[in-house]
Every structure is written in C-alpha cells, then in structure tokens.
Amino acid sequence: MDRVEQIEAAITSLPPNEYRRLVDWFRAREQGRWDDQMDRDSATGRLDELFREAEGEAVQGLVRDWPSAK
C-alpha cells in the first residue's frame, strides 16, 4: 500500500467531525494556492488581456453586477 492509499484509508475511517475538519483544512489550503497562483499571474502580466477585455465590455455596457442587485 502506497502513501496515498494509506491516507485514503485513514480518511475513510475518520469520524464525521474530524472528516469535516479535514475537508475545511483542504479547502482553505486549495483556496490559498489558487490565490497565490492568481497573484503570480497578475504580477507577471498574464491577466492583463483579460482585464483589458473586461474593461472594454464594461464601457460597452455589457457587464452587469453579480450577484444582481435586486
């Protein structure tokens, strides 16, 4: 059994409250990784074209608030 299989087995045996803690930890970790990647992409200019496109669409009135302000 490799490490991943051992981890999977351990996760399967967790009681619900500990499983929930693990899920919450993993989601926060993944969100942090996503934020870090977006920061790197933004700093290197990889998102500049997307920003220009969104600004152009906003000027044309093609952008709306989300969620909508109803």
N, C-alpha and C. Protein backbone atom coordinates (compact mmCIF):
# COMPACT_ATOMS: atom_id res chain seq x y z
N MET A 1 0.86 -1.18 0.00
CA MET A 1 0.00 0.00 0.00
C MET A 1 0.91 1.24 0.00
N ASP A 2 0.68 2.14 -0.97
CA ASP A 2 1.50 3.35 -1.02
C ASP A 2 0.93 4.42 -0.08
N ARG A 3 1.61 5.56 0.00
CA ARG A 3 1.21 6.62 0.94
C ARG A 3 -0.19 7.13 0.67
N VAL A 4 -0.52 7.34 -0.60
CA VAL A 4 -1.84 7.87 -0.92
C VAL A 4 -2.92 6.89 -0.48
N GLU A 5 -2.71 5.63 -0.72
CA GLU A 5 -3.68 4.62 -0.29
C GLU A 5 -3.80 4.60 1.23
N GLN A 6 -2.70 4.79 1.94
CA GLN A 6 -2.73 4.84 3.40
C GLN A 6 -3.54 6.05 3.87
N ILE A 7 -3.30 7.18 3.21
CA ILE A 7 -4.04 8.40 3.57
C ILE A 7 -5.52 8.22 3.28
N GLU A 8 -5.84 7.65 2.12
CA GLU A 8 -7.24 7.40 1.78
C GLU A 8 -7.91 6.51 2.82
N ALA A 9 -7.22 5.48 3.24
CA ALA A 9 -7.77 4.56 4.24
C ALA A 9 -7.99 5.28 5.57
N ALA A 10 -7.03 6.12 5.95
CA ALA A 10 -7.16 6.86 7.20
C ALA A 10 -8.33 7.84 7.12
N ILE A 11 -8.50 8.51 5.99
CA ILE A 11 -9.60 9.45 5.83
C ILE A 11 -10.94 8.73 5.90
N THR A 12 -11.02 7.58 5.27
CA THR A 12 -12.26 6.79 5.27
C THR A 12 -12.69 6.41 6.68
N SER A 13 -11.72 6.23 7.56
CA SER A 13 -12.05 5.79 8.92
C SER A 13 -12.29 6.95 9.89
N LEU A 14 -12.19 8.19 9.44
CA LEU A 14 -12.39 9.32 10.34
C LEU A 14 -13.85 9.45 10.77
N PRO A 15 -14.07 9.85 12.01
CA PRO A 15 -15.44 10.18 12.42
C PRO A 15 -15.88 11.47 11.71
N PRO A 16 -17.17 11.70 11.59
CA PRO A 16 -17.66 12.85 10.82
C PRO A 16 -17.06 14.21 11.20
N ASN A 17 -16.91 14.48 12.49
CA ASN A 17 -16.39 15.79 12.89
C ASN A 17 -14.93 15.98 12.45
N GLU A 18 -14.13 14.92 12.51
CA GLU A 18 -12.74 15.02 12.08
C GLU A 18 -12.65 15.08 10.56
N TYR A 19 -13.53 14.37 9.88
CA TYR A 19 -13.58 14.44 8.42
C TYR A 19 -13.90 15.86 7.99
N ARG A 20 -14.88 16.49 8.64
CA ARG A 20 -15.27 17.87 8.32
C ARG A 20 -14.09 18.81 8.53
N ARG A 21 -13.33 18.63 9.62
CA ARG A 21 -12.14 19.46 9.86
C ARG A 21 -11.14 19.31 8.73
N LEU A 22 -10.95 18.09 8.28
CA LEU A 22 -10.01 17.83 7.19
C LEU A 22 -10.49 18.49 5.89
N VAL A 23 -11.76 18.36 5.60
CA VAL A 23 -12.32 18.98 4.39
C VAL A 23 -12.13 20.50 4.45
N ASP A 24 -12.44 21.10 5.59
CA ASP A 24 -12.29 22.55 5.74
C ASP A 24 -10.83 22.96 5.56
N TRP A 25 -9.91 22.20 6.15
CA TRP A 25 -8.48 22.49 6.01
C TRP A 25 -8.05 22.40 4.55
N PHE A 26 -8.50 21.34 3.87
CA PHE A 26 -8.09 21.13 2.49
C PHE A 26 -8.64 22.24 1.59
N ARG A 27 -9.89 22.63 1.80
CA ARG A 27 -10.47 23.72 1.00
C ARG A 27 -9.71 25.02 1.21
N ALA A 28 -9.38 25.33 2.45
CA ALA A 28 -8.63 26.56 2.74
C ALA A 28 -7.25 26.51 2.09
N ARG A 29 -6.62 25.35 2.14
CA ARG A 29 -5.30 25.18 1.52
C ARG A 29 -5.38 25.39 0.01
N GLU A 30 -6.37 24.79 -0.62
CA GLU A 30 -6.54 24.93 -2.07
C GLU A 30 -6.88 26.37 -2.44
N GLN A 31 -7.70 27.02 -1.65
CA GLN A 31 -8.03 28.43 -1.91
C GLN A 31 -6.78 29.28 -1.83
N GLY A 32 -5.93 29.02 -0.85
CA GLY A 32 -4.67 29.75 -0.72
C GLY A 32 -3.76 29.53 -1.92
N ARG A 33 -3.70 28.30 -2.39
CA ARG A 33 -2.88 28.01 -3.58
C ARG A 33 -3.42 28.73 -4.80
N TRP A 34 -4.75 28.74 -4.94
CA TRP A 34 -5.38 29.44 -6.05
C TRP A 34 -5.07 30.94 -5.98
N ASP A 35 -5.22 31.52 -4.79
CA ASP A 35 -4.93 32.95 -4.62
C ASP A 35 -3.48 33.26 -4.97
N ASP A 36 -2.55 32.41 -4.52
CA ASP A 36 -1.14 32.61 -4.83
C ASP A 36 -0.88 32.55 -6.33
N GLN A 37 -1.52 31.61 -7.02
CA GLN A 37 -1.34 31.50 -8.47
C GLN A 37 -1.89 32.73 -9.18
N MET A 38 -3.06 33.20 -8.74
CA MET A 38 -3.64 34.40 -9.34
C MET A 38 -2.74 35.61 -9.11
N ASP A 39 -2.16 35.73 -7.92
CA ASP A 39 -1.23 36.83 -7.63
C ASP A 39 -0.01 36.76 -8.54
N ARG A 40 0.54 35.56 -8.72
CA ARG A 40 1.71 35.40 -9.61
C ARG A 40 1.34 35.75 -11.05
N ASP A 41 0.21 35.25 -11.51
CA ASP A 41 -0.22 35.53 -12.88
C ASP A 41 -0.47 37.02 -13.09
N SER A 42 -1.06 37.66 -12.12
CA SER A 42 -1.32 39.08 -12.22
C SER A 42 -0.01 39.88 -12.23
N ALA A 43 0.92 39.53 -11.36
CA ALA A 43 2.19 40.24 -11.26
C ALA A 43 3.02 40.11 -12.53
N THR A 44 2.87 39.00 -13.25
CA THR A 44 3.66 38.79 -14.47
C THR A 44 2.94 39.27 -15.72
N GLY A 45 1.74 39.82 -15.56
CA GLY A 45 1.01 40.36 -16.70
C GLY A 45 0.17 39.36 -17.45
N ARG A 46 0.10 38.14 -16.96
CA ARG A 46 -0.67 37.10 -17.66
C ARG A 46 -2.17 37.39 -17.72
N LEU A 47 -2.65 38.23 -16.81
CA LEU A 47 -4.08 38.52 -16.77
C LEU A 47 -4.43 39.85 -17.42
N ASP A 48 -3.42 40.56 -17.90
CA ASP A 48 -3.65 41.90 -18.45
C ASP A 48 -4.67 41.90 -19.58
N GLU A 49 -4.58 40.95 -20.49
CA GLU A 49 -5.51 40.90 -21.61
C GLU A 49 -6.94 40.69 -21.11
N LEU A 50 -7.11 39.85 -20.09
CA LEU A 50 -8.45 39.64 -19.52
C LEU A 50 -8.99 40.93 -18.89
N PHE A 51 -8.11 41.67 -18.21
CA PHE A 51 -8.53 42.93 -17.61
C PHE A 51 -8.94 43.93 -18.69
N ARG A 52 -8.16 44.03 -19.77
CA ARG A 52 -8.50 44.95 -20.87
C ARG A 52 -9.83 44.56 -21.51
N GLU A 53 -10.02 43.27 -21.70
CA GLU A 53 -11.28 42.79 -22.29
C GLU A 53 -12.47 43.14 -21.40
N ALA A 54 -12.34 42.92 -20.10
CA ALA A 54 -13.43 43.24 -19.17
C ALA A 54 -13.70 44.73 -19.13
N GLU A 55 -12.65 45.55 -19.14
CA GLU A 55 -12.84 46.99 -19.14
C GLU A 55 -13.56 47.44 -20.41
N GLY A 56 -13.19 46.87 -21.55
CA GLY A 56 -13.86 47.20 -22.81
C GLY A 56 -15.32 46.82 -22.79
N GLU A 57 -15.62 45.67 -22.25
CA GLU A 57 -17.02 45.23 -22.16
C GLU A 57 -17.81 46.11 -21.20
N ALA A 58 -17.16 46.56 -20.13
CA ALA A 58 -17.84 47.45 -19.17
C ALA A 58 -18.19 48.77 -19.85
N VAL A 59 -17.27 49.31 -20.65
CA VAL A 59 -17.51 50.56 -21.36
C VAL A 59 -18.68 50.40 -22.33
N GLN A 60 -18.81 49.23 -22.94
CA GLN A 60 -19.89 48.96 -23.88
C GLN A 60 -21.22 48.64 -23.18
N GLY A 61 -21.21 48.59 -21.87
CA GLY A 61 -22.42 48.28 -21.12
C GLY A 61 -22.78 46.81 -21.12
N LEU A 62 -21.80 45.95 -21.38
CA LEU A 62 -22.06 44.51 -21.45
C LEU A 62 -21.85 43.80 -20.12
N VAL A 63 -21.42 44.54 -19.09
CA VAL A 63 -21.12 43.93 -17.79
C VAL A 63 -22.25 44.30 -16.83
N ARG A 64 -22.67 43.34 -16.04
CA ARG A 64 -23.70 43.61 -15.03
C ARG A 64 -23.19 43.12 -13.68
N ASP A 65 -23.77 43.66 -12.63
CA ASP A 65 -23.40 43.26 -11.27
C ASP A 65 -23.76 41.79 -11.04
N TRP A 66 -22.89 41.13 -10.32
CA TRP A 66 -23.17 39.75 -9.92
C TRP A 66 -22.74 39.57 -8.49
N PRO A 67 -23.57 39.10 -7.65
CA PRO A 67 -24.98 38.81 -7.94
C PRO A 67 -25.74 40.10 -8.21
N SER A 68 -26.80 39.95 -8.92
CA SER A 68 -27.57 41.14 -9.31
C SER A 68 -28.11 41.85 -8.07
N ALA A 69 -28.18 43.16 -8.18
CA ALA A 69 -28.65 43.99 -7.05
C ALA A 69 -30.16 44.15 -7.15
N LYS A 70 -30.89 43.06 -6.87
CA LYS A 70 -32.36 43.10 -6.95
C LYS A 70 -32.94 43.46 -5.63
